[in-house]
Amino acid sequence: MSTPTLRPPAPGDPASGNPAPRPPAPGGPAPGGPALRGPVLVTVRLHRLTLWALPALLVLAAAFMFYQWRHTTTVAADFAGTGCSVERTTQACGDTVRYFVDSLSDLRRYLEYAGLALLVLPGLVGAFVAGPVIARELESGTYKLAWTQSVSPARWLAARLAVPTLWAVVLLSVAVVLFRWAQATVPAGLYPLNWYDRLGFTGLGPLPVAYALFGIAVGALIGLLVRRTVVAMSLALLTVGSVLALFNQYLRSRLWPTVTVEGKRQYFEENAWVVQQGAVTPSGRRASYNECLPIGPSPCADSGGGLTHFVDYHPAAHFWPLQLVETGIVLALAAVAAFAAFRIVRRLG
């Protein structure tokens, strides 16, 4: 009599108590295959303090600016009802005029601080990405854990850059909108920042967002190359600051053709950005007014009084062409830096 062979119950058999494995959902990731969402959540968790501190600071700054704007608007309305004038200050109006002027000066100074913050933040974003986000992981070796968990180097880098990119675009866009509103609604008696000033020009358009994206791309590239947290942060900050200074000092006025006015007297529109002015000699040579000073040899000395004055300027209508051309150049530089960063990280893998 043969003894029956005992076999272990197959998965899915009710007697076994083991349910059958479910097939993967159509179009979903393979079992155990990482999605981009996982590395992104890890990045948010690692840097949650910094990521949540930035919106909190923006809310506090906006609340303070609104309070100061409301206070100055109230002071201006009260001053208009007193009958006092800044041009003619009587003894009875001395304290009133002084209080009014001080309020305007405070609001003007806070507007300058806001413009300076929009000028500096892209460099700080680049330093943050270069150091804590990229270089610190390469320096400590923690990136190897992610790469051994079926996360490709390119996906790892994309997850590390996606979070600061989203934060920078959203927060800086909101900051630019608030800055434009503050500039457009200043109380009577206070002139807003000129559109061509360094602190005013950058904050009135998409340039802060473009420079932040450039800082993120350059920070990633420098972090991958240097692999030292402090050094990478310093180099990223220096790079973004140098490009910004280059445009501020030398390139911005040359991004769009200027308007030229010549004659014995020059008339150009108000709120214009004067780029160059001087005199044209009878021979057709242009000379600045400094060159025409009567100290030593001067190209204007032998003109016989036949000088023609000239002014090269950008009218206020050139704001958006200048802003958009610079934004396009900075975004192109950001794209080149991001492409180089992904090429490097693929070779590391």
C-alpha atoms as a PDB file:
ATOM      1  CA  MET A   1       0.000   0.000   0.000  1.00  0.00           C
ATOM      2  CA  SER A   2       1.592   3.282  -1.150  1.00  0.00           C
ATOM      3  CA  THR A   3       1.827   6.288   1.152  1.00  0.00           C
ATOM      4  CA  PRO A   4       0.445   9.555  -0.355  1.00  0.00           C
ATOM      5  CA  THR A   5       2.988  12.309  -0.886  1.00  0.00           C
ATOM      6  CA  LEU A   6       2.357  15.448   1.174  1.00  0.00           C
ATOM      7  CA  ARG A   7       2.870  18.721  -0.676  1.00  0.00           C
ATOM      8  CA  PRO A   8       2.833  22.251   0.838  1.00  0.00           C
ATOM      9  CA  PRO A   9      -0.313  24.169   0.027  1.00  0.00           C
ATOM     10  CA  ALA A  10       0.061  26.544  -2.910  1.00  0.00           C
ATOM     11  CA  PRO A  11      -0.357  30.301  -2.368  1.00  0.00           C
ATOM     12  CA  GLY A  12      -3.949  31.237  -2.821  1.00  0.00           C
ATOM     13  CA  ASP A  13      -5.248  27.912  -1.459  1.00  0.00           C
ATOM     14  CA  PRO A  14      -7.873  28.666   1.219  1.00  0.00           C
ATOM     15  CA  ALA A  15      -6.358  25.957   3.397  1.00  0.00           C
ATOM     16  CA  SER A  16      -2.944  27.613   3.334  1.00  0.00           C
ATOM     17  CA  GLY A  17      -3.987  30.968   4.706  1.00  0.00           C
ATOM     18  CA  ASN A  18      -1.656  32.708   2.226  1.00  0.00           C
ATOM     19  CA  PRO A  19      -3.396  34.970  -0.268  1.00  0.00           C
ATOM     20  CA  ALA A  20      -2.243  34.899  -3.860  1.00  0.00           C
ATOM     21  CA  PRO A  21       0.025  37.793  -4.895  1.00  0.00           C
ATOM     22  CA  ARG A  22      -1.732  40.535  -6.770  1.00  0.00           C
ATOM     23  CA  PRO A  23      -0.507  41.385 -10.246  1.00  0.00           C
ATOM     24  CA  PRO A  24       0.848  44.900 -10.736  1.00  0.00           C
ATOM     25  CA  ALA A  25      -1.623  47.526 -11.839  1.00  0.00           C
ATOM     26  CA  PRO A  26      -1.622  48.214 -15.589  1.00  0.00           C
ATOM     27  CA  GLY A  27       0.682  51.098 -16.367  1.00  0.00           C
ATOM     28  CA  GLY A  28       1.949  51.329 -12.774  1.00  0.00           C
ATOM     29  CA  PRO A  29       5.520  50.922 -11.632  1.00  0.00           C
ATOM     30  CA  ALA A  30       7.008  47.490 -11.338  1.00  0.00           C
ATOM     31  CA  PRO A  31       7.045  45.933  -7.869  1.00  0.00           C
ATOM     32  CA  GLY A  32       9.909  47.460  -5.939  1.00  0.00           C
ATOM     33  CA  GLY A  33      10.553  50.028  -8.682  1.00  0.00           C
ATOM     34  CA  PRO A  34      11.106  53.474  -7.211  1.00  0.00           C
ATOM     35  CA  ALA A  35       9.027  56.427  -8.309  1.00  0.00           C
ATOM     36  CA  LEU A  36      10.198  60.005  -8.303  1.00  0.00           C
ATOM     37  CA  ARG A  37       7.774  60.728  -5.483  1.00  0.00           C
ATOM     38  CA  GLY A  38       9.815  58.788  -2.950  1.00  0.00           C
ATOM     39  CA  PRO A  39      13.100  60.699  -3.411  1.00  0.00           C
ATOM     40  CA  VAL A  40      11.169  63.975  -3.472  1.00  0.00           C
ATOM     41  CA  LEU A  41       9.557  63.188  -0.112  1.00  0.00           C
ATOM     42  CA  VAL A  42      12.974  62.310   1.273  1.00  0.00           C
ATOM     43  CA  THR A  43      14.319  65.687   0.106  1.00  0.00           C
ATOM     44  CA  VAL A  44      11.403  67.509   1.717  1.00  0.00           C
ATOM     45  CA  ARG A  45      11.933  65.655   4.971  1.00  0.00           C
ATOM     46  CA  LEU A  46      15.677  66.330   5.034  1.00  0.00           C
ATOM     47  CA  HIS A  47      15.311  70.073   4.431  1.00  0.00           C
ATOM     48  CA  ARG A  48      11.855  70.701   5.890  1.00  0.00           C
ATOM     49  CA  LEU A  49      13.104  73.367   8.302  1.00  0.00           C
ATOM     50  CA  THR A  50      14.533  75.555   5.540  1.00  0.00           C
ATOM     51  CA  LEU A  51      11.655  74.894   3.162  1.00  0.00           C
ATOM     52  CA  TRP A  52       9.015  75.967   5.684  1.00  0.00           C
ATOM     53  CA  ALA A  53      11.039  78.855   7.067  1.00  0.00           C
ATOM     54  CA  LEU A  54      11.054  80.636   3.697  1.00  0.00           C
ATOM     55  CA  PRO A  55       7.234  80.930   3.362  1.00  0.00           C
ATOM     56  CA  ALA A  56       7.038  82.034   6.988  1.00  0.00           C
ATOM     57  CA  LEU A  57       9.595  84.788   6.398  1.00  0.00           C
ATOM     58  CA  LEU A  58       7.763  85.895   3.258  1.00  0.00           C
ATOM     59  CA  VAL A  59       4.465  86.155   5.155  1.00  0.00           C
ATOM     60  CA  LEU A  60       6.092  88.145   7.956  1.00  0.00           C
ATOM     61  CA  ALA A  61       7.819  90.507   5.508  1.00  0.00           C
ATOM     62  CA  ALA A  62       4.603  91.031   3.544  1.00  0.00           C
ATOM     63  CA  ALA A  63       2.649  91.732   6.734  1.00  0.00           C
ATOM     64  CA  PHE A  64       5.248  94.243   7.906  1.00  0.00           C
ATOM     65  CA  MET A  65       5.324  96.006   4.517  1.00  0.00           C
ATOM     66  CA  PHE A  66       1.533  96.192   4.441  1.00  0.00           C
ATOM     67  CA  TYR A  67       1.489  97.657   7.947  1.00  0.00           C
ATOM     68  CA  GLN A  68       4.083 100.280   7.007  1.00  0.00           C
ATOM     69  CA  TRP A  69       2.239 101.107   3.769  1.00  0.00           C
ATOM     70  CA  ARG A  70      -1.055 101.470   5.653  1.00  0.00           C
ATOM     71  CA  HIS A  71       0.579 103.675   8.286  1.00  0.00           C
ATOM     72  CA  THR A  72       2.240 105.932   5.705  1.00  0.00           C
ATOM     73  CA  THR A  73      -0.982 106.212   3.686  1.00  0.00           C
ATOM     74  CA  THR A  74      -2.853 107.324   6.815  1.00  0.00           C
ATOM     75  CA  VAL A  75      -0.142 109.861   7.650  1.00  0.00           C
ATOM     76  CA  ALA A  76      -0.241 111.229   4.091  1.00  0.00           C
ATOM     77  CA  ALA A  77      -4.024 111.603   4.199  1.00  0.00           C
ATOM     78  CA  ASP A  78      -3.872 113.393   7.552  1.00  0.00           C
ATOM     79  CA  PHE A  79      -1.093 115.647   6.289  1.00  0.00           C
ATOM     80  CA  ALA A  80      -3.122 116.632   3.243  1.00  0.00           C
ATOM     81  CA  GLY A  81      -5.905 117.824   5.533  1.00  0.00           C
ATOM     82  CA  THR A  82      -3.680 120.049   7.687  1.00  0.00           C
ATOM     83  CA  GLY A  83      -2.991 122.613   4.970  1.00  0.00           C
ATOM     84  CA  CYS A  84       0.768 122.368   5.586  1.00  0.00           C
ATOM     85  CA  SER A  85       3.242 122.074   2.746  1.00  0.00           C
ATOM     86  CA  VAL A  86       6.685 120.510   2.485  1.00  0.00           C
ATOM     87  CA  GLU A  87       7.888 123.321   0.195  1.00  0.00           C
ATOM     88  CA  ARG A  88       6.879 126.060   2.620  1.00  0.00           C
ATOM     89  CA  THR A  89       7.265 124.965   6.207  1.00  0.00           C
ATOM     90  CA  THR A  90       5.938 127.405   8.808  1.00  0.00           C
ATOM     91  CA  GLN A  91       6.790 127.250  12.465  1.00  0.00           C
ATOM     92  CA  ALA A  92       3.364 125.839  13.304  1.00  0.00           C
ATOM     93  CA  CYS A  93       3.736 123.064  10.699  1.00  0.00           C
ATOM     94  CA  GLY A  94       7.292 122.090  11.557  1.00  0.00           C
ATOM     95  CA  ASP A  95       6.506 118.951  13.570  1.00  0.00           C
ATOM     96  CA  THR A  96       3.737 117.901  11.192  1.00  0.00           C
ATOM     97  CA  VAL A  97       5.948 118.169   8.126  1.00  0.00           C
ATOM     98  CA  ARG A  98       8.791 116.387   9.887  1.00  0.00           C
ATOM     99  CA  TYR A  99       6.534 113.483  10.878  1.00  0.00           C
ATOM    100  CA  PHE A 100       5.183 113.230   7.328  1.00  0.00           C
ATOM    101  CA  VAL A 101       8.652 113.255   5.731  1.00  0.00           C
ATOM    102  CA  ASP A 102       9.978 110.704   8.221  1.00  0.00           C
ATOM    103  CA  SER A 103       7.106 108.334   7.412  1.00  0.00           C
ATOM    104  CA  LEU A 104       7.809 108.630   3.691  1.00  0.00           C
ATOM    105  CA  SER A 105      11.512 108.016   4.284  1.00  0.00           C
ATOM    106  CA  ASP A 106      10.790 104.889   6.310  1.00  0.00           C
ATOM    107  CA  LEU A 107       8.574 103.409   3.607  1.00  0.00           C
ATOM    108  CA  ARG A 108      11.135 104.278   0.932  1.00  0.00           C
ATOM    109  CA  ARG A 109      13.869 102.553   2.918  1.00  0.00           C
ATOM    110  CA  TYR A 110      11.758  99.410   3.372  1.00  0.00           C
ATOM    111  CA  LEU A 111      11.067  99.315  -0.356  1.00  0.00           C
ATOM    112  CA  GLU A 112      14.805  99.422  -0.946  1.00  0.00           C
ATOM    113  CA  TYR A 113      15.283  96.571   1.514  1.00  0.00           C
ATOM    114  CA  ALA A 114      12.665  94.537  -0.352  1.00  0.00           C
ATOM    115  CA  GLY A 115      14.408  95.183  -3.664  1.00  0.00           C
ATOM    116  CA  LEU A 116      17.740  94.195  -2.113  1.00  0.00           C
ATOM    117  CA  ALA A 117      16.228  90.955  -0.812  1.00  0.00           C
ATOM    118  CA  LEU A 118      14.984  90.048  -4.294  1.00  0.00           C
ATOM    119  CA  LEU A 119      18.484  90.795  -5.569  1.00  0.00           C
ATOM    120  CA  VAL A 120      20.243  88.593  -3.001  1.00  0.00           C
ATOM    121  CA  LEU A 121      17.841  85.638  -2.662  1.00  0.00           C
ATOM    122  CA  PRO A 122      18.813  83.891  -5.944  1.00  0.00           C
ATOM    123  CA  GLY A 123      22.413  83.670  -4.774  1.00  0.00           C
ATOM    124  CA  LEU A 124      21.318  82.219  -1.424  1.00  0.00           C
ATOM    125  CA  VAL A 125      19.137  79.665  -3.213  1.00  0.00           C
ATOM    126  CA  GLY A 126      22.117  78.615  -5.333  1.00  0.00           C
ATOM    127  CA  ALA A 127      24.316  78.295  -2.242  1.00  0.00           C
ATOM    128  CA  PHE A 128      21.657  76.178  -0.511  1.00  0.00           C
ATOM    129  CA  VAL A 129      21.422  73.773  -3.442  1.00  0.00           C
ATOM    130  CA  ALA A 130      25.200  73.575  -3.912  1.00  0.00           C
ATOM    131  CA  GLY A 131      25.921  72.873  -0.249  1.00  0.00           C
ATOM    132  CA  PRO A 132      23.242  71.157   1.866  1.00  0.00           C
ATOM    133  CA  VAL A 133      21.294  69.617  -1.024  1.00  0.00           C
ATOM    134  CA  ILE A 134      24.067  68.222  -3.274  1.00  0.00           C
ATOM    135  CA  ALA A 135      27.607  68.546  -1.924  1.00  0.00           C
ATOM    136  CA  ARG A 136      26.822  67.419   1.620  1.00  0.00           C
ATOM    137  CA  GLU A 137      25.369  64.124   0.409  1.00  0.00           C
ATOM    138  CA  LEU A 138      28.337  63.500  -1.860  1.00  0.00           C
ATOM    139  CA  GLU A 139      30.764  64.464   0.891  1.00  0.00           C
ATOM    140  CA  SER A 140      29.159  62.179   3.481  1.00  0.00           C
ATOM    141  CA  GLY A 141      28.493  59.333   1.034  1.00  0.00           C
ATOM    142  CA  THR A 142      24.761  59.074   1.793  1.00  0.00           C
ATOM    143  CA  TYR A 143      23.983  59.257  -1.923  1.00  0.00           C
ATOM    144  CA  LYS A 144      25.222  55.654  -2.278  1.00  0.00           C
ATOM    145  CA  LEU A 145      22.276  54.415  -0.213  1.00  0.00           C
ATOM    146  CA  ALA A 146      19.813  55.979  -2.626  1.00  0.00           C
ATOM    147  CA  TRP A 147      21.661  54.710  -5.693  1.00  0.00           C
ATOM    148  CA  THR A 148      21.675  51.153  -4.365  1.00  0.00           C
ATOM    149  CA  GLN A 149      17.889  51.286  -3.838  1.00  0.00           C
ATOM    150  CA  SER A 150      17.197  51.153  -7.586  1.00  0.00           C
ATOM    151  CA  VAL A 151      17.219  54.959  -7.837  1.00  0.00           C
ATOM    152  CA  SER A 152      19.213  56.084 -10.841  1.00  0.00           C
ATOM    153  CA  PRO A 153      21.664  58.981 -10.404  1.00  0.00           C
ATOM    154  CA  ALA A 154      19.663  61.134 -12.834  1.00  0.00           C
ATOM    155  CA  ARG A 155      16.437  60.505 -10.908  1.00  0.00           C
ATOM    156  CA  TRP A 156      18.218  61.211  -7.636  1.00  0.00           C
ATOM    157  CA  LEU A 157      19.434  64.576  -8.955  1.00  0.00           C
ATOM    158  CA  ALA A 158      16.026  65.415 -10.437  1.00  0.00           C
ATOM    159  CA  ALA A 159      14.376  64.779  -7.072  1.00  0.00           C
ATOM    160  CA  ARG A 160      16.959  66.908  -5.265  1.00  0.00           C
ATOM    161  CA  LEU A 161      16.375  69.828  -7.645  1.00  0.00           C
ATOM    162  CA  ALA A 162      12.584  69.557  -8.023  1.00  0.00           C
ATOM    163  CA  VAL A 163      11.814  70.694  -4.476  1.00  0.00           C
ATOM    164  CA  PRO A 164      13.937  73.894  -4.345  1.00  0.00           C
ATOM    165  CA  THR A 165      12.872  74.728  -7.905  1.00  0.00           C
ATOM    166  CA  LEU A 166       9.164  74.584  -7.031  1.00  0.00           C
ATOM    167  CA  TRP A 167       9.707  76.526  -3.802  1.00  0.00           C
ATOM    168  CA  ALA A 168      11.813  79.229  -5.497  1.00  0.00           C
ATOM    169  CA  VAL A 169       9.431  79.725  -8.430  1.00  0.00           C
ATOM    170  CA  VAL A 170       6.309  79.993  -6.270  1.00  0.00           C
ATOM    171  CA  LEU A 171       7.728  82.122  -3.460  1.00  0.00           C
ATOM    172  CA  LEU A 172       9.700  84.523  -5.657  1.00  0.00           C
ATOM    173  CA  SER A 173       6.743  84.958  -8.002  1.00  0.00           C
ATOM    174  CA  VAL A 174       4.578  85.956  -5.047  1.00  0.00           C
ATOM    175  CA  ALA A 175       7.331  88.281  -3.790  1.00  0.00           C
ATOM    176  CA  VAL A 176       7.587  89.997  -7.187  1.00  0.00           C
ATOM    177  CA  VAL A 177       3.817  90.535  -7.309  1.00  0.00           C
ATOM    178  CA  LEU A 178       3.873  92.069  -3.822  1.00  0.00           C
ATOM    179  CA  PHE A 179       6.840  94.281  -4.715  1.00  0.00           C
ATOM    180  CA  ARG A 180       5.122  95.560  -7.865  1.00  0.00           C
ATOM    181  CA  TRP A 181       1.984  96.287  -5.855  1.00  0.00           C
ATOM    182  CA  ALA A 182       3.974  98.203  -3.246  1.00  0.00           C
ATOM    183  CA  GLN A 183       5.710 100.228  -5.954  1.00  0.00           C
ATOM    184  CA  ALA A 184       2.459 101.044  -7.740  1.00  0.00           C
ATOM    185  CA  THR A 185       0.521 102.117  -4.634  1.00  0.00           C
ATOM    186  CA  VAL A 186       2.983 104.368  -2.817  1.00  0.00           C
ATOM    187  CA  PRO A 187       1.294 107.311  -1.043  1.00  0.00           C
ATOM    188  CA  ALA A 188       1.234 110.761  -2.548  1.00  0.00           C
ATOM    189  CA  GLY A 189       4.503 112.587  -1.966  1.00  0.00           C
ATOM    190  CA  LEU A 190       6.693 109.477  -2.188  1.00  0.00           C
ATOM    191  CA  TYR A 191       8.400 108.662  -5.465  1.00  0.00           C
ATOM    192  CA  PRO A 192       8.764 104.909  -6.039  1.00  0.00           C
ATOM    193  CA  LEU A 193      12.083 103.341  -6.937  1.00  0.00           C
ATOM    194  CA  ASN A 194      13.091 104.195 -10.483  1.00  0.00           C
ATOM    195  CA  TRP A 195      12.452 101.368 -12.900  1.00  0.00           C
ATOM    196  CA  TYR A 196      16.101 101.391 -13.985  1.00  0.00           C
ATOM    197  CA  ASP A 197      17.597 101.362 -10.483  1.00  0.00           C
ATOM    198  CA  ARG A 198      19.364  98.159  -9.527  1.00  0.00           C
ATOM    199  CA  LEU A 199      16.999  97.551  -6.622  1.00  0.00           C
ATOM    200  CA  GLY A 200      13.929  98.445  -8.639  1.00  0.00           C
ATOM    201  CA  PHE A 201      14.626  96.857 -12.026  1.00  0.00           C
ATOM    202  CA  THR A 202      15.251  93.328 -10.773  1.00  0.00           C
ATOM    203  CA  GLY A 203      12.206  93.122  -8.530  1.00  0.00           C
ATOM    204  CA  LEU A 204       9.658  94.458 -11.027  1.00  0.00           C
ATOM    205  CA  GLY A 205       9.729  91.493 -13.409  1.00  0.00           C
ATOM    206  CA  PRO A 206      10.575  87.784 -13.755  1.00  0.00           C
ATOM    207  CA  LEU A 207      14.313  88.288 -13.259  1.00  0.00           C
ATOM    208  CA  PRO A 208      14.409  87.038  -9.616  1.00  0.00           C
ATOM    209  CA  VAL A 209      12.819  83.756 -10.721  1.00  0.00           C
ATOM    210  CA  ALA A 210      15.246  83.424 -13.654  1.00  0.00           C
ATOM    211  CA  TYR A 211      18.265  84.094 -11.440  1.00  0.00           C
ATOM    212  CA  ALA A 212      16.966  81.609  -8.853  1.00  0.00           C
ATOM    213  CA  LEU A 213      16.707  78.898 -11.523  1.00  0.00           C
ATOM    214  CA  PHE A 214      20.202  79.817 -12.657  1.00  0.00           C
ATOM    215  CA  GLY A 215      21.400  79.576  -9.061  1.00  0.00           C
ATOM    216  CA  ILE A 216      19.806  76.131  -8.651  1.00  0.00           C
ATOM    217  CA  ALA A 217      21.387  74.793 -11.846  1.00  0.00           C
ATOM    218  CA  VAL A 218      24.803  76.298 -11.128  1.00  0.00           C
ATOM    219  CA  GLY A 219      24.612  75.155  -7.508  1.00  0.00           C
ATOM    220  CA  ALA A 220      23.926  71.577  -8.608  1.00  0.00           C
ATOM    221  CA  LEU A 221      26.812  71.676 -11.074  1.00  0.00           C
ATOM    222  CA  ILE A 222      29.260  73.118  -8.545  1.00  0.00           C
ATOM    223  CA  GLY A 223      28.116  70.707  -5.839  1.00  0.00           C
ATOM    224  CA  LEU A 224      28.735  67.725  -8.108  1.00  0.00           C
ATOM    225  CA  LEU A 225      32.176  68.995  -9.090  1.00  0.00           C
ATOM    226  CA  VAL A 226      33.454  70.223  -5.715  1.00  0.00           C
ATOM    227  CA  ARG A 227      31.794  67.773  -3.270  1.00  0.00           C
ATOM    228  CA  ARG A 228      32.655  69.994  -0.306  1.00  0.00           C
ATOM    229  CA  THR A 229      29.747  71.717   1.393  1.00  0.00           C
ATOM    230  CA  VAL A 230      31.272  75.030   2.449  1.00  0.00           C
ATOM    231  CA  VAL A 231      33.409  75.431  -0.669  1.00  0.00           C
ATOM    232  CA  ALA A 232      30.467  74.629  -2.956  1.00  0.00           C
ATOM    233  CA  MET A 233      28.245  77.162  -1.188  1.00  0.00           C
ATOM    234  CA  SER A 234      30.881  79.876  -1.504  1.00  0.00           C
ATOM    235  CA  LEU A 235      31.515  79.202  -5.196  1.00  0.00           C
ATOM    236  CA  ALA A 236      27.796  79.109  -6.028  1.00  0.00           C
ATOM    237  CA  LEU A 237      27.181  82.399  -4.243  1.00  0.00           C
ATOM    238  CA  LEU A 238      30.184  83.952  -5.983  1.00  0.00           C
ATOM    239  CA  THR A 239      29.085  82.717  -9.415  1.00  0.00           C
ATOM    240  CA  VAL A 240      25.502  83.965  -9.165  1.00  0.00           C
ATOM    241  CA  GLY A 241      26.663  87.269  -7.696  1.00  0.00           C
ATOM    242  CA  SER A 242      29.248  87.752 -10.449  1.00  0.00           C
ATOM    243  CA  VAL A 243      26.725  87.168 -13.246  1.00  0.00           C
ATOM    244  CA  LEU A 244      24.252  89.521 -11.596  1.00  0.00           C
ATOM    245  CA  ALA A 245      26.923  92.199 -11.122  1.00  0.00           C
ATOM    246  CA  LEU A 246      28.026  91.788 -14.737  1.00  0.00           C
ATOM    247  CA  PHE A 247      24.529  92.545 -16.005  1.00  0.00           C
ATOM    248  CA  ASN A 248      23.983  95.365 -13.503  1.00  0.00           C
ATOM    249  CA  GLN A 249      27.225  97.149 -14.261  1.00  0.00           C
ATOM    250  CA  TYR A 250      27.951  96.545 -17.940  1.00  0.00           C
ATOM    251  CA  LEU A 251      25.507  94.476 -19.988  1.00  0.00           C
ATOM    252  CA  ARG A 252      21.966  95.551 -19.098  1.00  0.00           C
ATOM    253  CA  SER A 253      22.030  98.921 -20.850  1.00  0.00           C
ATOM    254  CA  ARG A 254      23.337  97.227 -24.014  1.00  0.00           C
ATOM    255  CA  LEU A 255      20.604  94.592 -24.272  1.00  0.00           C
ATOM    256  CA  TRP A 256      18.303  96.913 -26.251  1.00  0.00           C
ATOM    257  CA  PRO A 257      19.092  99.811 -28.617  1.00  0.00           C
ATOM    258  CA  THR A 258      19.027 103.227 -26.963  1.00  0.00           C
ATOM    259  CA  VAL A 259      17.259 106.344 -28.183  1.00  0.00           C
ATOM    260  CA  THR A 260      19.597 109.207 -29.156  1.00  0.00           C
ATOM    261  CA  VAL A 261      18.761 112.907 -29.042  1.00  0.00           C
ATOM    262  CA  GLU A 262      21.161 115.510 -30.467  1.00  0.00           C
ATOM    263  CA  GLY A 263      21.072 119.297 -30.624  1.00  0.00           C
ATOM    264  CA  LYS A 264      21.953 122.429 -28.755  1.00  0.00           C
ATOM    265  CA  ARG A 265      19.334 121.475 -26.180  1.00  0.00           C
ATOM    266  CA  GLN A 266      18.100 117.962 -25.526  1.00  0.00           C
ATOM    267  CA  TYR A 267      14.547 117.109 -24.610  1.00  0.00           C
ATOM    268  CA  PHE A 268      13.767 113.565 -23.548  1.00  0.00           C
ATOM    269  CA  GLU A 269      10.866 112.069 -21.677  1.00  0.00           C
ATOM    270  CA  GLU A 270      10.584 111.945 -17.926  1.00  0.00           C
ATOM    271  CA  ASN A 271      11.717 108.865 -15.985  1.00  0.00           C
ATOM    272  CA  ALA A 272      14.225 107.959 -18.683  1.00  0.00           C
ATOM    273  CA  TRP A 273      17.399 105.982 -18.061  1.00  0.00           C
ATOM    274  CA  VAL A 274      20.250 108.156 -19.312  1.00  0.00           C
ATOM    275  CA  VAL A 275      23.038 105.833 -20.443  1.00  0.00           C
ATOM    276  CA  GLN A 276      25.485 108.319 -21.919  1.00  0.00           C
ATOM    277  CA  GLN A 277      25.619 112.025 -22.614  1.00  0.00           C
ATOM    278  CA  GLY A 278      28.225 114.425 -23.902  1.00  0.00           C
ATOM    279  CA  ALA A 279      29.166 116.498 -26.929  1.00  0.00           C
ATOM    280  CA  VAL A 280      29.811 115.819 -30.616  1.00  0.00           C
ATOM    281  CA  THR A 281      32.693 117.769 -32.161  1.00  0.00           C
ATOM    282  CA  PRO A 282      32.512 119.179 -35.704  1.00  0.00           C
ATOM    283  CA  SER A 283      34.634 116.207 -36.834  1.00  0.00           C
ATOM    284  CA  GLY A 284      31.907 113.846 -35.640  1.00  0.00           C
ATOM    285  CA  ARG A 285      33.746 112.527 -32.614  1.00  0.00           C
ATOM    286  CA  ARG A 286      31.746 111.817 -29.466  1.00  0.00           C
ATOM    287  CA  ALA A 287      33.186 112.962 -26.155  1.00  0.00           C
ATOM    288  CA  SER A 288      31.767 112.718 -22.686  1.00  0.00           C
ATOM    289  CA  TYR A 289      31.405 115.834 -20.571  1.00  0.00           C
ATOM    290  CA  ASN A 290      34.302 114.707 -18.419  1.00  0.00           C
ATOM    291  CA  GLU A 291      36.538 114.679 -21.465  1.00  0.00           C
ATOM    292  CA  CYS A 292      35.483 118.230 -22.285  1.00  0.00           C
ATOM    293  CA  LEU A 293      36.562 119.665 -18.940  1.00  0.00           C
ATOM    294  CA  PRO A 294      39.094 122.495 -19.410  1.00  0.00           C
ATOM    295  CA  ILE A 295      41.909 120.600 -17.710  1.00  0.00           C
ATOM    296  CA  GLY A 296      44.718 119.535 -20.032  1.00  0.00           C
ATOM    297  CA  PRO A 297      44.149 118.608 -23.684  1.00  0.00           C
ATOM    298  CA  SER A 298      40.508 118.141 -24.595  1.00  0.00           C
ATOM    299  CA  PRO A 299      38.810 116.958 -27.792  1.00  0.00           C
ATOM    300  CA  CYS A 300      36.335 119.824 -27.335  1.00  0.00           C
ATOM    301  CA  ALA A 301      38.997 122.554 -27.071  1.00  0.00           C
ATOM    302  CA  ASP A 302      39.462 123.171 -30.816  1.00  0.00           C
ATOM    303  CA  SER A 303      35.829 122.871 -31.767  1.00  0.00           C
ATOM    304  CA  GLY A 304      35.419 126.637 -32.122  1.00  0.00           C
ATOM    305  CA  GLY A 305      32.108 126.553 -30.302  1.00  0.00           C
ATOM    306  CA  GLY A 306      30.600 124.136 -32.824  1.00  0.00           C
ATOM    307  CA  LEU A 307      29.701 121.468 -30.305  1.00  0.00           C
ATOM    308  CA  THR A 308      26.473 119.511 -30.543  1.00  0.00           C
ATOM    309  CA  HIS A 309      25.195 117.882 -27.399  1.00  0.00           C
ATOM    310  CA  PHE A 310      23.823 114.325 -27.354  1.00  0.00           C
ATOM    311  CA  VAL A 311      22.005 112.030 -24.940  1.00  0.00           C
ATOM    312  CA  ASP A 312      21.622 108.247 -25.242  1.00  0.00           C
ATOM    313  CA  TYR A 313      18.784 106.961 -23.055  1.00  0.00           C
ATOM    314  CA  HIS A 314      16.251 104.215 -22.524  1.00  0.00           C
ATOM    315  CA  PRO A 315      12.652 105.435 -22.167  1.00  0.00           C
ATOM    316  CA  ALA A 316      10.346 103.768 -19.684  1.00  0.00           C
ATOM    317  CA  ALA A 317       8.840 101.766 -22.568  1.00  0.00           C
ATOM    318  CA  HIS A 318      12.123  99.830 -22.787  1.00  0.00           C
ATOM    319  CA  PHE A 319      11.605  98.226 -19.387  1.00  0.00           C
ATOM    320  CA  TRP A 320       9.965  95.044 -20.635  1.00  0.00           C
ATOM    321  CA  PRO A 321      12.308  94.491 -23.621  1.00  0.00           C
ATOM    322  CA  LEU A 322      15.322  94.861 -21.326  1.00  0.00           C
ATOM    323  CA  GLN A 323      13.737  92.680 -18.645  1.00  0.00           C
ATOM    324  CA  LEU A 324      12.735  89.883 -21.035  1.00  0.00           C
ATOM    325  CA  VAL A 325      16.031  89.802 -22.947  1.00  0.00           C
ATOM    326  CA  GLU A 326      18.016  89.487 -19.725  1.00  0.00           C
ATOM    327  CA  THR A 327      15.586  86.849 -18.443  1.00  0.00           C
ATOM    328  CA  GLY A 328      16.041  84.818 -21.625  1.00  0.00           C
ATOM    329  CA  ILE A 329      19.835  84.964 -21.395  1.00  0.00           C
ATOM    330  CA  VAL A 330      19.855  83.929 -17.734  1.00  0.00           C
ATOM    331  CA  LEU A 331      17.448  81.041 -18.410  1.00  0.00           C
ATOM    332  CA  ALA A 332      19.655  79.877 -21.276  1.00  0.00           C
ATOM    333  CA  LEU A 333      22.662  79.871 -18.929  1.00  0.00           C
ATOM    334  CA  ALA A 334      20.587  77.921 -16.405  1.00  0.00           C
ATOM    335  CA  ALA A 335      19.676  75.335 -19.054  1.00  0.00           C
ATOM    336  CA  VAL A 336      23.350  74.869 -20.001  1.00  0.00           C
ATOM    337  CA  ALA A 337      24.359  74.429 -16.358  1.00  0.00           C
ATOM    338  CA  ALA A 338      21.523  71.934 -15.717  1.00  0.00           C
ATOM    339  CA  PHE A 339      22.462  69.924 -18.819  1.00  0.00           C
ATOM    340  CA  ALA A 340      26.091  69.768 -17.664  1.00  0.00           C
ATOM    341  CA  ALA A 341      25.013  68.686 -14.169  1.00  0.00           C
ATOM    342  CA  PHE A 342      22.952  65.767 -15.481  1.00  0.00           C
ATOM    343  CA  ARG A 343      25.774  64.683 -17.799  1.00  0.00           C
ATOM    344  CA  ILE A 344      28.168  64.622 -14.861  1.00  0.00           C
ATOM    345  CA  VAL A 345      25.827  62.730 -12.538  1.00  0.00           C
ATOM    346  CA  ARG A 346      25.251  60.053 -15.214  1.00  0.00           C
ATOM    347  CA  ARG A 347      28.986  59.492 -15.449  1.00  0.00           C
ATOM    348  CA  LEU A 348      29.209  59.195 -11.676  1.00  0.00           C
ATOM    349  CA  GLY A 349      26.632  56.420 -11.772  1.00  0.00           C
END
